[in-house]
Amino acid sequence: MEVTIFKTNVKNEIVAQHLVVQLQIIIPDFKINFDLEDCDNILRLYGNRNVSQLVINHMQSEGFECKEIE
């Protein structure tokens, strides 16, 4: 299982929970969570395939910045 980490500008826990629900619908085989305590408002995805561009596109369509941290 791989972990993919994204820097975001999500600051609200309720918004983060809503985004996790949306992403779980799109990629149900992944474990997804936010770490809003981190200075980069981290979004973590745990899974077995590369879905980075899909996640970035969805986050941007919802009006948020999202950049993969390598």
Protein backbone atom coordinates (compact mmCIF):
# COMPACT_ATOMS: atom_id res chain seq x y z
CA MET A 1 0.00 0.00 0.00
CA GLU A 2 1.33 3.43 -0.97
CA VAL A 3 0.77 6.73 0.80
CA THR A 4 0.29 9.83 -1.33
CA ILE A 5 0.48 13.20 0.41
CA PHE A 6 -0.93 16.49 -0.81
CA LYS A 7 -0.53 20.05 0.44
CA THR A 8 -3.91 21.83 0.48
CA ASN A 9 -5.48 25.08 1.60
CA VAL A 10 -8.39 23.35 3.38
CA LYS A 11 -8.66 24.86 6.86
CA ASN A 12 -12.11 23.80 8.09
CA GLU A 13 -12.75 20.35 9.60
CA ILE A 14 -16.34 20.20 8.30
CA VAL A 15 -15.17 21.01 4.77
CA ALA A 16 -12.41 18.42 5.09
CA GLN A 17 -14.92 15.75 6.13
CA HIS A 18 -17.15 16.66 3.17
CA LEU A 19 -14.20 16.37 0.78
CA VAL A 20 -13.24 12.98 2.21
CA VAL A 21 -16.80 11.72 1.58
CA GLN A 22 -16.66 12.99 -2.01
CA LEU A 23 -13.25 11.42 -2.63
CA GLN A 24 -14.38 8.11 -1.09
CA ILE A 25 -17.19 7.98 -3.68
CA ILE A 26 -14.68 8.53 -6.50
CA ILE A 27 -12.01 6.17 -5.13
CA PRO A 28 -13.74 3.82 -2.66
CA ASP A 29 -10.76 1.46 -2.37
CA PHE A 30 -8.60 4.16 -0.71
CA LYS A 31 -8.28 5.26 2.90
CA ILE A 32 -8.38 9.08 2.95
CA ASN A 33 -7.83 11.64 5.69
CA PHE A 34 -6.79 15.22 6.36
CA ASP A 35 -4.29 16.50 8.91
CA LEU A 36 -5.35 20.09 9.46
CA GLU A 37 -2.98 20.38 12.42
CA ASP A 38 -0.08 20.28 9.95
CA CYS A 39 1.01 23.66 8.55
CA ASP A 40 0.41 22.34 5.00
CA ASN A 41 -3.15 21.10 5.76
CA ILE A 42 -2.17 17.64 4.56
CA LEU A 43 -4.44 15.31 2.63
CA ARG A 44 -3.29 11.67 2.78
CA LEU A 45 -4.41 8.84 0.55
CA TYR A 46 -3.57 5.19 1.20
CA GLY A 47 -4.01 2.87 -1.76
CA ASN A 48 -2.48 0.69 -4.43
CA ARG A 49 -2.60 2.86 -7.54
CA ASN A 50 -1.77 6.37 -8.69
CA VAL A 51 -4.80 8.66 -8.45
CA SER A 52 -2.89 11.92 -7.94
CA GLN A 53 -4.22 13.78 -10.97
CA LEU A 54 -7.77 12.65 -10.23
CA VAL A 55 -7.51 13.98 -6.67
CA ILE A 56 -5.91 17.26 -7.77
CA ASN A 57 -8.58 17.80 -10.43
CA HIS A 58 -11.39 17.12 -7.96
CA MET A 59 -9.94 19.40 -5.28
CA GLN A 60 -9.47 22.20 -7.81
CA SER A 61 -13.02 21.75 -9.13
CA GLU A 62 -14.19 22.26 -5.53
CA GLY A 63 -12.16 25.50 -5.35
CA PHE A 64 -9.19 24.28 -3.34
CA GLU A 65 -5.47 24.25 -3.94
CA CYS A 66 -3.93 20.78 -3.98
CA LYS A 67 -0.34 19.87 -4.75
CA GLU A 68 1.32 16.50 -4.36
CA ILE A 69 4.29 16.45 -1.99
CA GLU A 70 6.96 14.06 -3.23
